[in-house]
C-alpha atoms as a PDB file:
ATOM      1  CA  MET A   1      68.554  24.420  15.135  1.00  0.00           C
ATOM      2  CA  ALA A   2      64.777  24.330  15.023  1.00  0.00           C
ATOM      3  CA  THR A   3      62.784  27.489  15.228  1.00  0.00           C
ATOM      4  CA  THR A   4      59.266  27.800  16.482  1.00  0.00           C
ATOM      5  CA  ARG A   5      56.928  30.393  15.033  1.00  0.00           C
ATOM      6  CA  TYR A   6      53.859  31.509  16.854  1.00  0.00           C
ATOM      7  CA  MET A   7      50.941  32.986  15.006  1.00  0.00           C
ATOM      8  CA  ASP A   8      50.067  36.471  15.934  1.00  0.00           C
ATOM      9  CA  ASN A   9      46.565  36.730  17.422  1.00  0.00           C
ATOM     10  CA  ASP A  10      45.659  39.677  15.199  1.00  0.00           C
ATOM     11  CA  SER A  11      46.581  38.088  11.892  1.00  0.00           C
ATOM     12  CA  GLY A  12      44.845  35.249   9.967  1.00  0.00           C
ATOM     13  CA  PHE A  13      41.263  34.096   9.725  1.00  0.00           C
ATOM     14  CA  ARG A  14      39.304  33.605  12.941  1.00  0.00           C
ATOM     15  CA  ILE A  15      35.794  32.408  13.665  1.00  0.00           C
ATOM     16  CA  PRO A  16      34.621  33.508  17.058  1.00  0.00           C
ATOM     17  CA  GLY A  17      32.663  31.102  19.227  1.00  0.00           C
ATOM     18  CA  ARG A  18      29.512  33.236  19.001  1.00  0.00           C
ATOM     19  CA  MET A  19      29.552  33.010  15.200  1.00  0.00           C
ATOM     20  CA  VAL A  20      29.714  29.207  15.378  1.00  0.00           C
ATOM     21  CA  LEU A  21      26.825  29.163  17.863  1.00  0.00           C
ATOM     22  CA  PHE A  22      24.638  31.467  15.722  1.00  0.00           C
ATOM     23  CA  CYS A  23      25.402  29.460  12.561  1.00  0.00           C
ATOM     24  CA  LEU A  24      24.415  26.187  14.260  1.00  0.00           C
ATOM     25  CA  ILE A  25      21.218  27.697  15.710  1.00  0.00           C
ATOM     26  CA  GLY A  26      20.334  29.206  12.323  1.00  0.00           C
ATOM     27  CA  PHE A  27      21.008  25.970  10.452  1.00  0.00           C
ATOM     28  CA  PHE A  28      18.951  23.754  12.757  1.00  0.00           C
ATOM     29  CA  GLY A  29      16.260  26.421  13.049  1.00  0.00           C
ATOM     30  CA  LEU A  30      15.908  26.535   9.254  1.00  0.00           C
ATOM     31  CA  ILE A  31      15.698  22.726   9.083  1.00  0.00           C
ATOM     32  CA  SER A  32      13.064  22.698  11.862  1.00  0.00           C
ATOM     33  CA  ILE A  33      10.958  25.326  10.088  1.00  0.00           C
ATOM     34  CA  ALA A  34      11.147  23.393   6.798  1.00  0.00           C
ATOM     35  CA  ASN A  35      10.128  20.169   8.582  1.00  0.00           C
ATOM     36  CA  ALA A  36       7.219  21.902  10.322  1.00  0.00           C
ATOM     37  CA  ILE A  37       5.955  23.248   6.974  1.00  0.00           C
ATOM     38  CA  MET A  38       6.231  19.818   5.329  1.00  0.00           C
ATOM     39  CA  ILE A  39       4.399  18.121   8.219  1.00  0.00           C
ATOM     40  CA  TRP A  40       1.622  20.731   8.114  1.00  0.00           C
ATOM     41  CA  LEU A  41       1.219  20.332   4.332  1.00  0.00           C
ATOM     42  CA  ALA A  42       1.144  16.527   4.589  1.00  0.00           C
ATOM     43  CA  VAL A  43      -1.411  16.398   7.393  1.00  0.00           C
ATOM     44  CA  SER A  44      -3.667  19.074   5.901  1.00  0.00           C
ATOM     45  CA  SER A  45      -3.751  17.429   2.456  1.00  0.00           C
ATOM     46  CA  HIS A  46      -4.422  13.848   3.620  1.00  0.00           C
ATOM     47  CA  THR A  47      -5.187  12.800   7.161  1.00  0.00           C
ATOM     48  CA  GLY A  48      -4.386   9.152   6.518  1.00  0.00           C
ATOM     49  CA  VAL A  49      -7.842   7.990   7.573  1.00  0.00           C
ATOM     50  CA  VAL A  50      -9.151   5.402   5.106  1.00  0.00           C
ATOM     51  CA  VAL A  51     -12.091   4.054   7.083  1.00  0.00           C
ATOM     52  CA  GLY A  52     -13.974   5.782   9.878  1.00  0.00           C
ATOM     53  CA  SER A  53     -13.905   2.792  12.215  1.00  0.00           C
ATOM     54  CA  ALA A  54     -11.271   0.099  11.857  1.00  0.00           C
ATOM     55  CA  TYR A  55     -13.172  -2.060  14.337  1.00  0.00           C
ATOM     56  CA  LYS A  56     -16.343  -1.973  12.230  1.00  0.00           C
ATOM     57  CA  ALA A  57     -14.392  -2.610   9.009  1.00  0.00           C
ATOM     58  CA  GLY A  58     -12.712  -5.598  10.651  1.00  0.00           C
ATOM     59  CA  GLY A  59     -16.076  -6.995  11.681  1.00  0.00           C
ATOM     60  CA  GLU A  60     -17.270  -6.859   8.064  1.00  0.00           C
ATOM     61  CA  TYR A  61     -14.160  -8.651   6.779  1.00  0.00           C
ATOM     62  CA  GLN A  62     -15.659 -12.157   6.839  1.00  0.00           C
ATOM     63  CA  SER A  63     -18.728 -10.889   4.981  1.00  0.00           C
ATOM     64  CA  GLU A  64     -16.446  -9.510   2.237  1.00  0.00           C
ATOM     65  CA  ILE A  65     -14.675 -12.867   1.971  1.00  0.00           C
ATOM     66  CA  ASP A  66     -17.994 -14.714   1.663  1.00  0.00           C
ATOM     67  CA  THR A  67     -19.207 -12.263  -1.002  1.00  0.00           C
ATOM     68  CA  ALA A  68     -15.968 -12.704  -2.991  1.00  0.00           C
ATOM     69  CA  ARG A  69     -16.272 -16.514  -2.825  1.00  0.00           C
ATOM     70  CA  ALA A  70     -19.879 -16.365  -4.042  1.00  0.00           C
ATOM     71  CA  GLN A  71     -18.794 -14.077  -6.898  1.00  0.00           C
ATOM     72  CA  ALA A  72     -16.002 -16.473  -7.900  1.00  0.00           C
ATOM     73  CA  ALA A  73     -18.431 -19.412  -7.847  1.00  0.00           C
ATOM     74  CA  ARG A  74     -20.718 -17.625 -10.323  1.00  0.00           C
ATOM     75  CA  ALA A  75     -17.791 -17.367 -12.805  1.00  0.00           C
ATOM     76  CA  TRP A  76     -19.267 -14.403 -14.641  1.00  0.00           C
ATOM     77  CA  ALA A  77     -17.403 -12.857 -17.567  1.00  0.00           C
ATOM     78  CA  VAL A  78     -17.546  -9.077 -17.375  1.00  0.00           C
ATOM     79  CA  GLU A  79     -16.168  -6.861 -20.123  1.00  0.00           C
ATOM     80  CA  ALA A  80     -15.922  -3.116 -19.683  1.00  0.00           C
ATOM     81  CA  ASP A  81     -15.116  -0.632 -22.405  1.00  0.00           C
ATOM     82  CA  VAL A  82     -14.285   2.944 -21.443  1.00  0.00           C
ATOM     83  CA  THR A  83     -13.829   5.345 -24.366  1.00  0.00           C
ATOM     84  CA  ARG A  84     -13.245   9.071 -24.487  1.00  0.00           C
ATOM     85  CA  ALA A  85     -16.230  11.170 -25.525  1.00  0.00           C
ATOM     86  CA  GLY A  86     -15.177  14.827 -25.636  1.00  0.00           C
ATOM     87  CA  GLU A  87     -14.386  15.938 -22.090  1.00  0.00           C
ATOM     88  CA  GLY A  88     -16.068  12.866 -20.609  1.00  0.00           C
ATOM     89  CA  ALA A  89     -16.062   9.119 -21.116  1.00  0.00           C
ATOM     90  CA  ALA A  90     -18.589   6.579 -22.366  1.00  0.00           C
ATOM     91  CA  LEU A  91     -18.998   3.227 -20.599  1.00  0.00           C
ATOM     92  CA  ASP A  92     -20.153  -0.075 -22.028  1.00  0.00           C
ATOM     93  CA  VAL A  93     -20.280  -3.070 -19.656  1.00  0.00           C
ATOM     94  CA  THR A  94     -21.301  -6.557 -20.810  1.00  0.00           C
ATOM     95  CA  ILE A  95     -22.028  -9.256 -18.202  1.00  0.00           C
ATOM     96  CA  ARG A  96     -22.334 -12.944 -19.094  1.00  0.00           C
ATOM     97  CA  ASP A  97     -22.766 -15.956 -16.815  1.00  0.00           C
ATOM     98  CA  ALA A  98     -20.591 -19.096 -16.820  1.00  0.00           C
ATOM     99  CA  ASP A  99     -22.556 -20.545 -19.769  1.00  0.00           C
ATOM    100  CA  GLY A 100     -22.156 -17.361 -21.843  1.00  0.00           C
ATOM    101  CA  ALA A 101     -25.765 -16.219 -21.416  1.00  0.00           C
ATOM    102  CA  PRO A 102     -26.279 -12.488 -20.737  1.00  0.00           C
ATOM    103  CA  VAL A 103     -27.050 -11.523 -17.157  1.00  0.00           C
ATOM    104  CA  PHE A 104     -29.953  -9.068 -16.977  1.00  0.00           C
ATOM    105  CA  GLY A 105     -31.861  -7.130 -14.352  1.00  0.00           C
ATOM    106  CA  LEU A 106     -28.881  -5.783 -12.411  1.00  0.00           C
ATOM    107  CA  ALA A 107     -28.286  -2.313 -11.002  1.00  0.00           C
ATOM    108  CA  VAL A 108     -24.786  -1.500 -12.253  1.00  0.00           C
ATOM    109  CA  THR A 109     -22.779   1.383 -10.824  1.00  0.00           C
ATOM    110  CA  VAL A 110     -19.335   2.381 -12.058  1.00  0.00           C
ATOM    111  CA  ARG A 111     -16.876   4.596 -10.198  1.00  0.00           C
ATOM    112  CA  LEU A 112     -13.759   6.130 -11.657  1.00  0.00           C
ATOM    113  CA  ALA A 113     -11.609   6.558  -8.568  1.00  0.00           C
ATOM    114  CA  SER A 114      -8.713   8.967  -8.693  1.00  0.00           C
ATOM    115  CA  ASN A 115      -5.329   7.715  -7.559  1.00  0.00           C
ATOM    116  CA  VAL A 116      -4.607  11.138  -6.068  1.00  0.00           C
ATOM    117  CA  THR A 117      -7.678  12.422  -4.238  1.00  0.00           C
ATOM    118  CA  ALA A 118     -11.203  11.213  -3.563  1.00  0.00           C
ATOM    119  CA  ASP A 119     -12.541  14.647  -4.545  1.00  0.00           C
ATOM    120  CA  ALA A 120     -11.905  13.838  -8.223  1.00  0.00           C
ATOM    121  CA  ASP A 121     -13.890  10.563  -8.192  1.00  0.00           C
ATOM    122  CA  ALA A 122     -16.734  10.233 -10.695  1.00  0.00           C
ATOM    123  CA  VAL A 123     -19.752   7.913 -10.344  1.00  0.00           C
ATOM    124  CA  ALA A 124     -22.165   6.767 -13.068  1.00  0.00           C
ATOM    125  CA  THR A 125     -25.243   4.572 -12.849  1.00  0.00           C
ATOM    126  CA  LEU A 126     -25.536   2.457 -15.971  1.00  0.00           C
ATOM    127  CA  SER A 127     -28.787   1.567 -17.670  1.00  0.00           C
ATOM    128  CA  GLU A 128     -29.509  -1.727 -19.365  1.00  0.00           C
ATOM    129  CA  GLY A 129     -30.080  -1.325 -23.098  1.00  0.00           C
ATOM    130  CA  GLU A 130     -29.727  -4.732 -24.655  1.00  0.00           C
ATOM    131  CA  VAL A 131     -30.061  -7.768 -22.419  1.00  0.00           C
ATOM    132  CA  GLY A 132     -26.874  -8.080 -20.354  1.00  0.00           C
ATOM    133  CA  ARG A 133     -25.367  -4.862 -21.761  1.00  0.00           C
ATOM    134  CA  TYR A 134     -25.195  -1.791 -19.539  1.00  0.00           C
ATOM    135  CA  ARG A 135     -24.286   1.690 -20.761  1.00  0.00           C
ATOM    136  CA  GLY A 136     -23.609   5.060 -19.215  1.00  0.00           C
ATOM    137  CA  ALA A 137     -21.298   8.064 -19.352  1.00  0.00           C
ATOM    138  CA  PHE A 138     -19.264  10.494 -17.316  1.00  0.00           C
ATOM    139  CA  GLU A 139     -19.714  14.149 -18.277  1.00  0.00           C
ATOM    140  CA  THR A 140     -16.195  15.268 -17.407  1.00  0.00           C
ATOM    141  CA  VAL A 141     -13.172  13.150 -16.631  1.00  0.00           C
ATOM    142  CA  ALA A 142      -9.597  14.415 -16.535  1.00  0.00           C
ATOM    143  CA  PRO A 143      -6.965  12.477 -18.456  1.00  0.00           C
ATOM    144  CA  GLY A 144      -4.748  10.183 -16.431  1.00  0.00           C
ATOM    145  CA  SER A 145      -4.631   6.915 -14.544  1.00  0.00           C
ATOM    146  CA  TRP A 146      -7.857   5.838 -12.801  1.00  0.00           C
ATOM    147  CA  THR A 147      -9.212   2.852 -10.910  1.00  0.00           C
ATOM    148  CA  LEU A 148     -12.402   1.582 -12.567  1.00  0.00           C
ATOM    149  CA  MET A 149     -14.714   0.039  -9.955  1.00  0.00           C
ATOM    150  CA  ILE A 150     -17.727  -1.895 -11.212  1.00  0.00           C
ATOM    151  CA  ASP A 151     -20.488  -2.875  -8.764  1.00  0.00           C
ATOM    152  CA  ALA A 152     -23.539  -4.899  -9.780  1.00  0.00           C
ATOM    153  CA  ASP A 153     -26.410  -5.325  -7.350  1.00  0.00           C
ATOM    154  CA  ARG A 154     -29.496  -7.499  -7.457  1.00  0.00           C
ATOM    155  CA  GLY A 155     -31.917  -6.060  -4.954  1.00  0.00           C
ATOM    156  CA  ASP A 156     -29.989  -5.319  -1.772  1.00  0.00           C
ATOM    157  CA  ASP A 157     -27.235  -7.856  -2.492  1.00  0.00           C
ATOM    158  CA  ARG A 158     -23.975  -7.029  -4.223  1.00  0.00           C
ATOM    159  CA  VAL A 159     -23.421  -9.820  -6.744  1.00  0.00           C
ATOM    160  CA  TYR A 160     -20.345  -8.482  -8.532  1.00  0.00           C
ATOM    161  CA  HIS A 161     -17.444  -6.160  -7.722  1.00  0.00           C
ATOM    162  CA  SER A 162     -14.198  -5.515  -9.595  1.00  0.00           C
ATOM    163  CA  GLU A 163     -11.410  -2.959  -9.560  1.00  0.00           C
ATOM    164  CA  ASN A 164      -9.178  -2.391 -12.590  1.00  0.00           C
ATOM    165  CA  ARG A 165      -6.658   0.260 -13.596  1.00  0.00           C
ATOM    166  CA  VAL A 166      -7.478   2.256 -16.729  1.00  0.00           C
ATOM    167  CA  MET A 167      -5.652   5.042 -18.531  1.00  0.00           C
ATOM    168  CA  LEU A 168      -7.666   7.845 -20.117  1.00  0.00           C
ATOM    169  CA  ARG A 169      -5.933  10.152 -22.551  1.00  0.00           C
END
């Protein structure tokens, strides 16, 4: 014969309905607070804005394409040497035309752009020593990975632009 046993209401482990409700509210409340903190930190550290006006940047797009085609047609050979000098870095940029002749009379600007924040960027204006050889320095540059941007202007026209990754130790 089969016997049926009923559990006594006063014995054993019980979780009341209120406890389940408070645990669920606490859990999702904690997750919501953590998400709110992460969103606030993300938005306050970087807004996501790269250009002030996307419409204006789009209007200048064809001009950038034309400038890049003109630069490619010149077929210049540009060599850049970035070496550590104490806390800073020394720059040596050599520019030669398609025939190998040095290109002189340019205003060369070099930017070391940080991969993390624009506040750490460093800019140097190079001076022409020898014909076609431009030199300059950064006073302080932190070690790490940087984007080296070289811009050469003749008058009001940009005649050369390049972006390369460099590692400074």
